[in-house]
């Protein structure tokens, strides 16, 4: 069994960020990337860890922020697993240079396919849809849904999104605050909705009332 950590990489400046959460234990930790908090809590000695990251590439011969951030993320993950005796591998999924007027929507379908190709039997999936263009986040969400049904014994353990809000000053430096939300429930509600058929509205609404206790 592998534990697979999927995300799309931050494409802008990686400013100092304080992450908070009511869904996950983040106190006392100081990571630059939201998925690192989930990885830290999930990894156990002897695990096979596969870190799958979609990274935007600049024009040929240039390096952009996403590539720089990816290198920083790799180092952060390596530090987290140091001493835990795990089998660690990194898989990069290249995203073409920035979109333009001549780009085709088919690139998002191709991205979906690349994500599904990384999902194997018995995988436990942890996914972050915080960064990058929204179509990539949606493609990854759909790829998770596909993998969970099409591949044997796959389970989505965590799906997260980190929402930034008001920045603050600390020691003369701006520090952004970002809340990490657990949206795994939305993933499984989507799976439930996929089984609905025309005319089932009343029964499905009653089931949702049971599941969602407002």
N, C-alpha and C. Protein backbone atom coordinates (compact mmCIF):
# COMPACT_ATOMS: atom_id res chain seq x y z
N UNK A 1 0.83 -1.20 0.00
CA UNK A 1 0.00 0.00 0.00
C UNK A 1 0.87 1.25 0.00
N UNK A 2 0.54 2.16 -0.90
CA UNK A 2 1.25 3.44 -0.96
C UNK A 2 0.38 4.54 -0.36
N UNK A 3 1.03 5.55 0.16
CA UNK A 3 0.35 6.79 0.52
C UNK A 3 0.79 7.83 -0.50
N UNK A 4 -0.18 8.34 -1.24
CA UNK A 4 0.11 9.22 -2.36
C UNK A 4 -0.38 10.63 -2.04
N UNK A 5 0.51 11.60 -2.18
CA UNK A 5 0.21 12.99 -1.86
C UNK A 5 0.23 13.80 -3.15
N UNK A 6 -0.95 14.24 -3.56
CA UNK A 6 -1.09 14.91 -4.85
C UNK A 6 -1.38 16.40 -4.65
N UNK A 7 -0.77 17.22 -5.48
CA UNK A 7 -1.05 18.65 -5.42
C UNK A 7 -0.59 19.33 -6.70
N UNK A 8 -1.09 20.55 -6.89
CA UNK A 8 -0.58 21.42 -7.94
C UNK A 8 0.26 22.50 -7.26
N UNK A 9 1.35 22.87 -7.88
CA UNK A 9 2.31 23.74 -7.21
C UNK A 9 1.92 25.22 -7.30
N UNK A 10 2.27 25.93 -6.26
CA UNK A 10 2.11 27.39 -6.20
C UNK A 10 2.87 28.03 -7.35
N UNK A 11 2.19 28.93 -8.09
CA UNK A 11 2.83 29.54 -9.25
C UNK A 11 3.34 30.96 -8.99
N UNK A 12 3.02 31.51 -7.80
CA UNK A 12 3.48 32.86 -7.47
C UNK A 12 4.57 32.85 -6.42
N UNK A 13 4.82 34.02 -5.86
CA UNK A 13 5.82 34.14 -4.81
C UNK A 13 5.38 33.36 -3.57
N UNK A 14 6.29 32.65 -2.97
CA UNK A 14 6.00 31.87 -1.77
C UNK A 14 6.26 32.73 -0.53
N UNK A 15 5.29 33.60 -0.22
CA UNK A 15 5.45 34.51 0.90
C UNK A 15 5.29 33.77 2.23
N UNK A 16 5.91 34.28 3.30
CA UNK A 16 5.73 33.66 4.63
C UNK A 16 4.25 33.56 4.96
N UNK A 17 3.81 32.38 5.35
CA UNK A 17 2.39 32.13 5.61
C UNK A 17 2.21 31.37 6.92
N UNK A 18 1.29 31.85 7.73
CA UNK A 18 0.92 31.14 8.95
C UNK A 18 -0.33 30.34 8.66
N UNK A 19 -0.22 29.02 8.74
CA UNK A 19 -1.37 28.17 8.48
C UNK A 19 -2.10 27.83 9.78
N UNK A 20 -3.42 27.93 9.73
CA UNK A 20 -4.27 27.59 10.86
C UNK A 20 -5.34 26.63 10.37
N UNK A 21 -5.96 25.90 11.30
CA UNK A 21 -7.00 24.97 10.90
C UNK A 21 -7.79 24.50 12.11
N UNK A 22 -9.11 24.35 11.92
CA UNK A 22 -9.94 23.71 12.92
C UNK A 22 -10.14 22.23 12.61
N UNK A 23 -9.67 21.82 11.45
CA UNK A 23 -9.84 20.43 11.01
C UNK A 23 -8.60 19.58 11.23
N UNK A 24 -7.42 20.21 11.26
CA UNK A 24 -6.17 19.47 11.38
C UNK A 24 -5.29 20.07 12.47
N UNK A 25 -4.42 19.24 13.03
CA UNK A 25 -3.47 19.70 14.05
C UNK A 25 -2.29 20.38 13.36
N UNK A 26 -2.22 21.69 13.44
CA UNK A 26 -1.13 22.43 12.79
C UNK A 26 -0.30 23.23 13.80
N UNK A 27 -0.76 23.33 15.02
CA UNK A 27 -0.05 24.12 16.02
C UNK A 27 1.35 23.56 16.27
N UNK A 28 2.31 24.47 16.39
CA UNK A 28 3.68 24.06 16.68
C UNK A 28 4.46 23.64 15.46
N UNK A 29 3.83 23.70 14.29
CA UNK A 29 4.51 23.35 13.05
C UNK A 29 4.58 24.59 12.17
N UNK A 30 5.56 24.63 11.31
CA UNK A 30 5.75 25.81 10.47
C UNK A 30 6.20 25.38 9.08
N UNK A 31 5.26 24.95 8.28
CA UNK A 31 5.57 24.51 6.93
C UNK A 31 5.14 25.55 5.90
N UNK A 32 5.78 25.53 4.76
CA UNK A 32 5.50 26.50 3.71
C UNK A 32 4.37 26.07 2.78
N UNK A 33 4.03 24.77 2.83
CA UNK A 33 3.03 24.23 1.92
C UNK A 33 1.96 23.47 2.71
N UNK A 34 0.67 23.71 2.43
CA UNK A 34 -0.40 23.11 3.23
C UNK A 34 -0.36 21.59 3.29
N UNK A 35 -0.03 20.93 2.19
CA UNK A 35 -0.05 19.47 2.18
C UNK A 35 1.02 18.88 3.09
N UNK A 36 2.04 19.66 3.40
CA UNK A 36 3.09 19.18 4.30
C UNK A 36 2.53 18.86 5.68
N UNK A 37 1.54 19.63 6.14
CA UNK A 37 0.93 19.36 7.44
C UNK A 37 0.20 18.02 7.43
N UNK A 38 -0.47 17.72 6.34
CA UNK A 38 -1.20 16.46 6.23
C UNK A 38 -0.22 15.30 6.13
N UNK A 39 0.82 15.49 5.32
CA UNK A 39 1.85 14.45 5.16
C UNK A 39 2.52 14.14 6.49
N UNK A 40 2.84 15.17 7.24
CA UNK A 40 3.50 14.98 8.54
C UNK A 40 2.65 14.12 9.47
N UNK A 41 1.34 14.34 9.45
CA UNK A 41 0.46 13.59 10.33
C UNK A 41 0.14 12.20 9.85
N UNK A 42 0.31 11.94 8.56
CA UNK A 42 -0.10 10.66 7.98
C UNK A 42 1.02 9.65 7.84
N UNK A 43 2.25 10.13 7.70
CA UNK A 43 3.38 9.24 7.41
C UNK A 43 3.79 8.45 8.65
N UNK A 44 3.98 7.15 8.45
CA UNK A 44 4.45 6.27 9.50
C UNK A 44 5.67 5.50 9.02
N UNK A 45 6.45 5.04 9.95
CA UNK A 45 7.66 4.29 9.61
C UNK A 45 7.31 3.07 8.77
N UNK A 46 8.07 2.88 7.69
CA UNK A 46 7.86 1.74 6.81
C UNK A 46 6.93 2.04 5.64
N UNK A 47 6.34 3.23 5.60
CA UNK A 47 5.43 3.58 4.51
C UNK A 47 6.17 3.76 3.18
N UNK A 48 5.44 3.51 2.10
CA UNK A 48 5.89 3.89 0.77
C UNK A 48 5.18 5.19 0.43
N UNK A 49 5.93 6.27 0.34
CA UNK A 49 5.38 7.60 0.13
C UNK A 49 5.65 8.04 -1.30
N UNK A 50 4.59 8.40 -2.00
CA UNK A 50 4.73 8.90 -3.37
C UNK A 50 4.16 10.32 -3.41
N UNK A 51 5.00 11.28 -3.72
CA UNK A 51 4.59 12.69 -3.77
C UNK A 51 4.44 13.09 -5.23
N UNK A 52 3.20 13.28 -5.66
CA UNK A 52 2.90 13.60 -7.05
C UNK A 52 2.52 15.07 -7.14
N UNK A 53 3.28 15.83 -7.92
CA UNK A 53 3.08 17.28 -7.97
C UNK A 53 3.04 17.77 -9.40
N UNK A 54 2.01 18.55 -9.71
CA UNK A 54 1.91 19.18 -11.02
C UNK A 54 2.62 20.52 -10.97
N UNK A 55 3.58 20.72 -11.86
CA UNK A 55 4.45 21.90 -11.81
C UNK A 55 4.43 22.63 -13.14
N UNK A 56 4.09 23.91 -13.10
CA UNK A 56 4.13 24.72 -14.31
C UNK A 56 5.57 24.97 -14.72
N UNK A 57 5.83 24.88 -16.00
CA UNK A 57 7.17 25.15 -16.52
C UNK A 57 7.17 26.44 -17.33
N UNK A 58 8.26 27.17 -17.19
CA UNK A 58 8.40 28.39 -17.97
C UNK A 58 8.81 28.08 -19.40
N UNK A 59 9.02 29.12 -20.14
CA UNK A 59 9.46 28.93 -21.51
C UNK A 59 10.83 28.28 -21.51
N UNK A 60 11.14 27.62 -22.61
CA UNK A 60 12.38 26.85 -22.70
C UNK A 60 13.58 27.73 -22.34
N UNK A 61 14.42 27.18 -21.46
CA UNK A 61 15.62 27.91 -21.06
C UNK A 61 15.43 28.84 -19.89
N UNK A 62 14.21 28.87 -19.34
CA UNK A 62 13.94 29.75 -18.19
C UNK A 62 13.41 28.93 -17.02
N UNK A 63 13.52 29.49 -15.83
CA UNK A 63 12.97 28.87 -14.63
C UNK A 63 11.96 29.82 -14.03
N UNK A 64 10.80 29.32 -13.67
CA UNK A 64 9.78 30.20 -13.10
C UNK A 64 9.58 29.92 -11.61
N UNK A 65 8.64 30.64 -11.01
CA UNK A 65 8.40 30.52 -9.57
C UNK A 65 7.90 29.12 -9.20
N UNK A 66 7.06 28.54 -10.04
CA UNK A 66 6.54 27.21 -9.72
C UNK A 66 7.66 26.19 -9.59
N UNK A 67 8.62 26.24 -10.48
CA UNK A 67 9.74 25.30 -10.41
C UNK A 67 10.58 25.54 -9.16
N UNK A 68 10.78 26.81 -8.80
CA UNK A 68 11.52 27.13 -7.57
C UNK A 68 10.75 26.65 -6.34
N UNK A 69 9.45 26.86 -6.35
CA UNK A 69 8.63 26.42 -5.21
C UNK A 69 8.62 24.90 -5.08
N UNK A 70 8.64 24.22 -6.21
CA UNK A 70 8.64 22.76 -6.18
C UNK A 70 9.91 22.22 -5.53
N UNK A 71 11.04 22.84 -5.83
CA UNK A 71 12.29 22.42 -5.20
C UNK A 71 12.23 22.64 -3.69
N UNK A 72 11.63 23.76 -3.27
CA UNK A 72 11.49 24.04 -1.84
C UNK A 72 10.55 23.03 -1.18
N UNK A 73 9.50 22.66 -1.89
CA UNK A 73 8.55 21.67 -1.37
C UNK A 73 9.22 20.31 -1.21
N UNK A 74 10.02 19.91 -2.19
CA UNK A 74 10.74 18.64 -2.08
C UNK A 74 11.63 18.61 -0.84
N UNK A 75 12.35 19.70 -0.61
CA UNK A 75 13.23 19.76 0.56
C UNK A 75 12.41 19.69 1.86
N UNK A 76 11.26 20.35 1.86
CA UNK A 76 10.41 20.31 3.06
C UNK A 76 9.93 18.90 3.35
N UNK A 77 9.51 18.19 2.32
CA UNK A 77 9.05 16.81 2.49
C UNK A 77 10.18 15.92 2.99
N UNK A 78 11.36 16.09 2.41
CA UNK A 78 12.51 15.28 2.83
C UNK A 78 12.82 15.50 4.31
N UNK A 79 12.72 16.73 4.77
CA UNK A 79 12.97 17.02 6.18
C UNK A 79 11.91 16.38 7.07
N UNK A 80 10.67 16.39 6.61
CA UNK A 80 9.58 15.80 7.41
C UNK A 80 9.80 14.31 7.63
N UNK A 81 10.23 13.60 6.61
CA UNK A 81 10.34 12.13 6.71
C UNK A 81 11.70 11.68 7.22
N UNK A 82 12.61 12.61 7.44
CA UNK A 82 13.94 12.24 7.94
C UNK A 82 13.82 11.46 9.25
N UNK A 83 14.44 10.31 9.28
CA UNK A 83 14.42 9.48 10.48
C UNK A 83 13.22 8.55 10.60
N UNK A 84 12.31 8.60 9.65
CA UNK A 84 11.11 7.76 9.75
C UNK A 84 11.24 6.46 8.95
N UNK A 85 12.32 6.30 8.24
CA UNK A 85 12.59 5.07 7.50
C UNK A 85 11.43 4.74 6.54
N UNK A 86 11.22 5.64 5.62
CA UNK A 86 10.18 5.43 4.62
C UNK A 86 10.81 5.32 3.23
N UNK A 87 10.03 4.75 2.33
CA UNK A 87 10.43 4.69 0.92
C UNK A 87 9.79 5.89 0.23
N UNK A 88 10.61 6.88 -0.15
CA UNK A 88 10.10 8.14 -0.66
C UNK A 88 10.42 8.30 -2.14
N UNK A 89 9.38 8.66 -2.92
CA UNK A 89 9.61 8.97 -4.33
C UNK A 89 8.83 10.22 -4.71
N UNK A 90 9.40 10.99 -5.64
CA UNK A 90 8.76 12.19 -6.16
C UNK A 90 8.40 11.96 -7.62
N UNK A 91 7.18 12.32 -7.97
CA UNK A 91 6.73 12.25 -9.36
C UNK A 91 6.26 13.63 -9.77
N UNK A 92 6.90 14.18 -10.80
CA UNK A 92 6.51 15.50 -11.30
C UNK A 92 5.66 15.36 -12.55
N UNK A 93 4.54 16.07 -12.56
CA UNK A 93 3.70 16.13 -13.75
C UNK A 93 3.85 17.53 -14.34
N UNK A 94 4.56 17.65 -15.43
CA UNK A 94 4.80 18.98 -16.01
C UNK A 94 3.51 19.59 -16.56
N UNK A 95 3.33 20.86 -16.28
CA UNK A 95 2.25 21.65 -16.87
C UNK A 95 2.90 22.59 -17.87
N UNK A 96 2.39 22.67 -19.09
CA UNK A 96 3.01 23.53 -20.11
C UNK A 96 3.09 24.98 -19.66
N UNK A 97 3.89 25.75 -20.37
CA UNK A 97 4.03 27.18 -20.10
C UNK A 97 2.65 27.82 -20.07
N UNK A 98 2.58 29.00 -19.48
CA UNK A 98 1.30 29.66 -19.21
C UNK A 98 0.36 29.65 -20.41
N UNK A 99 -0.94 29.62 -20.06
CA UNK A 99 -1.96 29.59 -21.10
C UNK A 99 -1.98 30.88 -21.91
N UNK A 100 -2.41 30.76 -23.14
CA UNK A 100 -2.56 31.95 -23.99
C UNK A 100 -3.80 31.78 -24.87
N UNK A 101 -4.03 32.71 -25.76
CA UNK A 101 -5.23 32.67 -26.59
C UNK A 101 -5.29 31.47 -27.51
N UNK A 102 -4.16 30.82 -27.71
CA UNK A 102 -4.11 29.67 -28.63
C UNK A 102 -4.17 28.34 -27.88
N UNK A 103 -4.30 28.40 -26.53
CA UNK A 103 -4.37 27.17 -25.75
C UNK A 103 -5.72 26.50 -25.94
N UNK A 104 -5.74 25.19 -25.83
CA UNK A 104 -6.96 24.42 -26.00
C UNK A 104 -7.39 23.85 -24.66
N UNK A 105 -8.71 23.75 -24.48
CA UNK A 105 -9.23 23.17 -23.24
C UNK A 105 -8.83 21.70 -23.08
N UNK A 106 -8.36 21.09 -24.15
CA UNK A 106 -7.96 19.68 -24.10
C UNK A 106 -6.77 19.47 -23.17
N UNK A 107 -6.02 20.53 -22.86
CA UNK A 107 -4.87 20.37 -21.96
C UNK A 107 -5.32 19.95 -20.57
N UNK A 108 -6.53 20.37 -20.16
CA UNK A 108 -7.04 19.98 -18.85
C UNK A 108 -7.48 18.53 -18.86
N UNK A 109 -8.01 18.06 -19.99
CA UNK A 109 -8.35 16.65 -20.11
C UNK A 109 -7.10 15.78 -20.07
N UNK A 110 -6.05 16.27 -20.72
CA UNK A 110 -4.78 15.54 -20.72
C UNK A 110 -4.21 15.49 -19.30
N UNK A 111 -4.38 16.58 -18.56
CA UNK A 111 -3.92 16.62 -17.16
C UNK A 111 -4.68 15.59 -16.33
N UNK A 112 -5.99 15.51 -16.52
CA UNK A 112 -6.80 14.49 -15.84
C UNK A 112 -6.22 13.10 -16.09
N UNK A 113 -5.89 12.81 -17.32
CA UNK A 113 -5.36 11.49 -17.67
C UNK A 113 -4.03 11.23 -16.97
N UNK A 114 -3.18 12.24 -16.90
CA UNK A 114 -1.87 12.07 -16.25
C UNK A 114 -2.03 11.77 -14.76
N UNK A 115 -3.02 12.41 -14.13
CA UNK A 115 -3.25 12.16 -12.71
C UNK A 115 -3.76 10.74 -12.50
N UNK A 116 -4.74 10.31 -13.31
CA UNK A 116 -5.29 8.97 -13.13
C UNK A 116 -4.24 7.89 -13.34
N UNK A 117 -3.27 8.16 -14.21
CA UNK A 117 -2.21 7.18 -14.48
C UNK A 117 -1.32 6.97 -13.26
N UNK A 118 -1.33 7.89 -12.32
CA UNK A 118 -0.50 7.77 -11.13
C UNK A 118 -1.16 6.98 -10.01
N UNK A 119 -2.46 6.70 -10.15
CA UNK A 119 -3.20 6.01 -9.08
C UNK A 119 -3.15 4.51 -9.31
N UNK A 120 -2.71 3.78 -8.27
CA UNK A 120 -2.54 2.34 -8.36
C UNK A 120 -3.43 1.62 -7.35
N UNK A 121 -3.56 0.31 -7.54
CA UNK A 121 -4.33 -0.50 -6.61
C UNK A 121 -3.84 -0.29 -5.17
N UNK A 122 -4.78 -0.21 -4.25
CA UNK A 122 -4.52 -0.15 -2.80
C UNK A 122 -3.96 1.19 -2.33
N UNK A 123 -3.92 2.20 -3.19
CA UNK A 123 -3.38 3.50 -2.79
C UNK A 123 -4.29 4.18 -1.76
N UNK A 124 -3.65 4.95 -0.88
CA UNK A 124 -4.34 5.86 0.01
C UNK A 124 -3.97 7.27 -0.45
N UNK A 125 -4.97 8.08 -0.79
CA UNK A 125 -4.73 9.35 -1.45
C UNK A 125 -4.96 10.53 -0.53
N UNK A 126 -4.05 11.50 -0.62
CA UNK A 126 -4.13 12.75 0.12
C UNK A 126 -3.91 13.85 -0.91
N UNK A 127 -4.83 14.79 -0.99
CA UNK A 127 -4.78 15.74 -2.11
C UNK A 127 -4.99 17.17 -1.65
N UNK A 128 -4.26 18.07 -2.26
CA UNK A 128 -4.39 19.51 -1.99
C UNK A 128 -4.75 20.21 -3.29
N UNK A 129 -5.88 20.93 -3.29
CA UNK A 129 -6.32 21.64 -4.50
C UNK A 129 -6.24 23.16 -4.30
N UNK A 130 -5.29 23.60 -3.49
CA UNK A 130 -5.17 25.02 -3.17
C UNK A 130 -4.66 25.85 -4.33
N UNK A 131 -3.55 25.43 -4.91
CA UNK A 131 -2.80 26.29 -5.82
C UNK A 131 -3.14 26.05 -7.29
N UNK A 132 -2.66 26.98 -8.11
CA UNK A 132 -2.71 26.89 -9.56
C UNK A 132 -4.08 27.28 -10.11
N UNK A 133 -4.22 27.18 -11.43
CA UNK A 133 -5.45 27.54 -12.09
C UNK A 133 -6.58 26.58 -11.70
N UNK A 134 -7.78 27.11 -11.54
CA UNK A 134 -8.90 26.31 -11.07
C UNK A 134 -9.23 25.10 -11.95
N UNK A 135 -9.10 25.19 -13.29
CA UNK A 135 -9.39 23.98 -14.10
C UNK A 135 -8.50 22.80 -13.73
N UNK A 136 -7.26 23.08 -13.28
CA UNK A 136 -6.40 21.97 -12.86
C UNK A 136 -6.91 21.37 -11.55
N UNK A 137 -7.39 22.23 -10.64
CA UNK A 137 -7.96 21.73 -9.39
C UNK A 137 -9.18 20.86 -9.67
N UNK A 138 -10.04 21.32 -10.58
CA UNK A 138 -11.24 20.55 -10.93
C UNK A 138 -10.85 19.24 -11.59
N UNK A 139 -9.86 19.29 -12.48
CA UNK A 139 -9.40 18.06 -13.16
C UNK A 139 -8.87 17.06 -12.15
N UNK A 140 -8.14 17.54 -11.14
CA UNK A 140 -7.60 16.64 -10.13
C UNK A 140 -8.73 16.04 -9.30
N UNK A 141 -9.74 16.85 -8.95
CA UNK A 141 -10.88 16.36 -8.20
C UNK A 141 -11.58 15.23 -8.96
N UNK A 142 -11.82 15.45 -10.26
CA UNK A 142 -12.48 14.44 -11.07
C UNK A 142 -11.60 13.20 -11.22
N UNK A 143 -10.30 13.41 -11.31
CA UNK A 143 -9.38 12.27 -11.42
C UNK A 143 -9.42 11.42 -10.15
N UNK A 144 -9.54 12.06 -9.00
CA UNK A 144 -9.66 11.32 -7.75
C UNK A 144 -10.93 10.47 -7.75
N UNK A 145 -12.03 11.09 -8.20
CA UNK A 145 -13.30 10.37 -8.25
C UNK A 145 -13.21 9.16 -9.18
N UNK A 146 -12.56 9.37 -10.32
CA UNK A 146 -12.38 8.28 -11.28
C UNK A 146 -11.51 7.17 -10.68
N UNK A 147 -10.38 7.56 -10.10
CA UNK A 147 -9.47 6.58 -9.54
C UNK A 147 -10.09 5.77 -8.41
N UNK A 148 -10.90 6.45 -7.57
CA UNK A 148 -11.50 5.77 -6.44
C UNK A 148 -12.49 4.69 -6.88
N UNK A 149 -13.04 4.83 -8.09
CA UNK A 149 -13.99 3.84 -8.59
C UNK A 149 -13.36 2.84 -9.54
N UNK A 150 -12.42 3.30 -10.36
CA UNK A 150 -11.88 2.46 -11.42
C UNK A 150 -10.71 1.60 -10.98
N UNK A 151 -10.06 1.98 -9.88
CA UNK A 151 -8.87 1.26 -9.42
C UNK A 151 -9.22 0.50 -8.14
N UNK A 152 -8.66 -0.68 -7.97
CA UNK A 152 -9.01 -1.54 -6.85
C UNK A 152 -8.55 -0.99 -5.50
N UNK A 153 -9.48 -0.97 -4.55
CA UNK A 153 -9.18 -0.68 -3.14
C UNK A 153 -8.44 0.64 -2.95
N UNK A 154 -8.91 1.67 -3.62
CA UNK A 154 -8.34 3.02 -3.46
C UNK A 154 -9.23 3.83 -2.53
N UNK A 155 -8.62 4.58 -1.63
CA UNK A 155 -9.39 5.40 -0.70
C UNK A 155 -8.82 6.81 -0.66
N UNK A 156 -9.70 7.81 -0.78
CA UNK A 156 -9.30 9.20 -0.61
C UNK A 156 -9.37 9.52 0.88
N UNK A 157 -8.21 9.66 1.50
CA UNK A 157 -8.15 9.90 2.94
C UNK A 157 -8.42 11.36 3.29
N UNK A 158 -7.78 12.26 2.57
CA UNK A 158 -7.94 13.70 2.83
C UNK A 158 -7.92 14.48 1.54
N UNK A 159 -8.81 15.44 1.44
CA UNK A 159 -8.80 16.42 0.36
C UNK A 159 -8.86 17.78 1.03
N UNK A 160 -7.88 18.64 0.75
CA UNK A 160 -7.80 19.91 1.47
C UNK A 160 -7.77 21.10 0.52
N UNK A 161 -8.14 22.24 1.10
CA UNK A 161 -8.04 23.52 0.40
C UNK A 161 -7.65 24.57 1.43
N UNK A 162 -6.65 25.38 1.11
CA UNK A 162 -6.20 26.42 2.02
C UNK A 162 -6.60 27.79 1.48
N UNK A 163 -7.45 28.48 2.23
CA UNK A 163 -7.96 29.78 1.82
C UNK A 163 -7.21 30.90 2.54
N UNK A 164 -6.62 31.79 1.76
CA UNK A 164 -5.90 32.90 2.37
C UNK A 164 -6.85 34.02 2.76
N UNK A 165 -6.51 34.68 3.85
CA UNK A 165 -7.27 35.86 4.23
C UNK A 165 -6.31 36.92 4.76
N UNK A 166 -6.80 37.90 5.49
CA UNK A 166 -6.05 39.11 5.81
C UNK A 166 -4.62 38.83 6.26
N UNK A 167 -3.70 39.52 5.65
CA UNK A 167 -2.31 39.41 6.07
C UNK A 167 -2.04 40.25 7.31
N UNK A 168 -0.95 40.01 7.97
CA UNK A 168 -0.59 40.75 9.18
C UNK A 168 0.90 41.00 9.18
N UNK A 169 1.32 41.96 9.99
CA UNK A 169 2.73 42.28 10.12
C UNK A 169 3.32 41.58 11.35
N UNK A 170 4.45 40.98 11.19
CA UNK A 170 5.17 40.37 12.29
C UNK A 170 6.64 40.66 12.14
N UNK A 171 7.20 41.36 13.12
CA UNK A 171 8.61 41.75 13.07
C UNK A 171 8.93 42.52 11.80
N UNK A 172 7.99 43.38 11.40
CA UNK A 172 8.21 44.23 10.24
C UNK A 172 8.04 43.53 8.91
N UNK A 173 7.57 42.28 8.92
CA UNK A 173 7.40 41.52 7.68
C UNK A 173 5.96 41.07 7.55
N UNK A 174 5.42 41.16 6.34
CA UNK A 174 4.06 40.71 6.11
C UNK A 174 3.98 39.20 6.22
N UNK A 175 3.01 38.73 6.99
CA UNK A 175 2.78 37.29 7.13
C UNK A 175 1.33 37.01 6.77
N UNK A 176 1.11 36.28 5.71
CA UNK A 176 -0.24 35.90 5.32
C UNK A 176 -0.75 34.78 6.23
N UNK A 177 -2.02 34.84 6.54
CA UNK A 177 -2.65 33.77 7.32
C UNK A 177 -3.54 32.97 6.40
N UNK A 178 -3.45 31.66 6.48
CA UNK A 178 -4.21 30.79 5.59
C UNK A 178 -4.83 29.65 6.38
N UNK A 179 -6.12 29.45 6.19
CA UNK A 179 -6.84 28.39 6.90
C UNK A 179 -6.93 27.14 6.03
N UNK A 180 -6.52 26.01 6.57
CA UNK A 180 -6.59 24.73 5.85
C UNK A 180 -7.92 24.06 6.17
N UNK A 181 -8.73 23.87 5.12
CA UNK A 181 -10.04 23.24 5.28
C UNK A 181 -10.00 21.79 4.81
N UNK A 182 -10.67 20.94 5.56
CA UNK A 182 -10.85 19.55 5.14
C UNK A 182 -12.12 19.47 4.30
N UNK A 183 -11.98 19.26 3.00
CA UNK A 183 -13.15 19.18 2.11
C UNK A 183 -13.36 17.75 1.61
N UNK A 184 -12.84 16.78 2.38
CA UNK A 184 -13.01 15.38 2.02
C UNK A 184 -14.49 15.03 1.93
N UNK A 185 -15.29 15.62 2.83
CA UNK A 185 -16.72 15.34 2.83
C UNK A 185 -17.38 15.70 1.51
N UNK A 186 -16.92 16.79 0.88
CA UNK A 186 -17.47 17.18 -0.41
C UNK A 186 -17.18 16.13 -1.48
N UNK A 187 -16.00 15.52 -1.37
CA UNK A 187 -15.65 14.47 -2.32
C UNK A 187 -16.64 13.32 -2.23
N UNK A 188 -16.95 12.89 -1.00
CA UNK A 188 -17.85 11.76 -0.84
C UNK A 188 -19.30 12.13 -1.08
N UNK A 189 -19.67 13.39 -0.87
CA UNK A 189 -21.00 13.85 -1.27
C UNK A 189 -21.14 13.82 -2.79
N UNK A 190 -20.06 14.17 -3.48
CA UNK A 190 -20.07 14.09 -4.94
C UNK A 190 -20.27 12.65 -5.40
N UNK A 191 -19.63 11.72 -4.70
CA UNK A 191 -19.79 10.30 -5.04
C UNK A 191 -21.23 9.87 -4.81
N UNK A 192 -21.83 10.35 -3.70
CA UNK A 192 -23.22 10.03 -3.42
C UNK A 192 -24.13 10.60 -4.51
N UNK A 193 -23.89 11.84 -4.89
CA UNK A 193 -24.72 12.49 -5.91
C UNK A 193 -24.64 11.76 -7.24
N UNK A 194 -23.51 11.14 -7.52
CA UNK A 194 -23.35 10.45 -8.81
C UNK A 194 -24.25 9.23 -8.92
N UNK A 195 -24.77 8.75 -7.77
CA UNK A 195 -25.66 7.59 -7.80
C UNK A 195 -27.13 8.00 -7.88
N UNK A 196 -27.40 9.30 -7.81
CA UNK A 196 -28.79 9.76 -7.87
C UNK A 196 -29.36 9.57 -9.27
N UNK A 197 -30.65 9.27 -9.32
CA UNK A 197 -31.35 9.10 -10.59
C UNK A 197 -32.54 10.05 -10.63
N UNK A 198 -33.03 10.38 -11.83
CA UNK A 198 -34.19 11.27 -11.93
C UNK A 198 -35.37 10.76 -11.11
N UNK A 199 -35.99 11.67 -10.36
CA UNK A 199 -37.14 11.31 -9.55
C UNK A 199 -36.81 10.93 -8.13
N UNK A 200 -35.51 10.90 -7.78
CA UNK A 200 -35.10 10.51 -6.43
C UNK A 200 -34.89 11.71 -5.50
N UNK A 201 -35.25 12.89 -5.94
CA UNK A 201 -34.95 14.10 -5.18
C UNK A 201 -35.41 14.02 -3.72
N UNK A 202 -36.66 13.63 -3.49
CA UNK A 202 -37.19 13.62 -2.13
C UNK A 202 -36.39 12.68 -1.23
N UNK A 203 -36.14 11.48 -1.71
CA UNK A 203 -35.40 10.51 -0.91
C UNK A 203 -33.96 10.96 -0.69
N UNK A 204 -33.33 11.52 -1.72
CA UNK A 204 -31.96 11.98 -1.59
C UNK A 204 -31.87 13.15 -0.62
N UNK A 205 -32.87 14.05 -0.65
CA UNK A 205 -32.86 15.18 0.28
C UNK A 205 -32.95 14.71 1.72
N UNK A 206 -33.75 13.68 1.97
CA UNK A 206 -33.86 13.14 3.32
C UNK A 206 -32.54 12.53 3.77
N UNK A 207 -31.87 11.86 2.84
CA UNK A 207 -30.56 11.27 3.16
C UNK A 207 -29.55 12.37 3.48
N UNK A 208 -29.58 13.45 2.71
CA UNK A 208 -28.65 14.56 2.96
C UNK A 208 -28.91 15.21 4.31
N UNK A 209 -30.18 15.30 4.70
CA UNK A 209 -30.49 15.85 6.02
C UNK A 209 -29.89 15.01 7.13
N UNK A 210 -29.86 13.69 6.89
CA UNK A 210 -29.28 12.78 7.87
C UNK A 210 -27.76 12.93 7.93
N UNK A 211 -27.14 13.11 6.75
CA UNK A 211 -25.69 13.21 6.68
C UNK A 211 -25.19 14.57 7.14
N UNK A 212 -25.88 15.63 6.70
CA UNK A 212 -25.43 16.99 7.00
C UNK A 212 -26.28 17.54 8.13
N UNK A 213 -25.72 17.58 9.30
CA UNK A 213 -26.43 18.06 10.48
C UNK A 213 -26.08 19.52 10.73
N UNK A 214 -26.88 20.43 10.21
CA UNK A 214 -26.60 21.87 10.31
C UNK A 214 -27.02 22.40 11.68
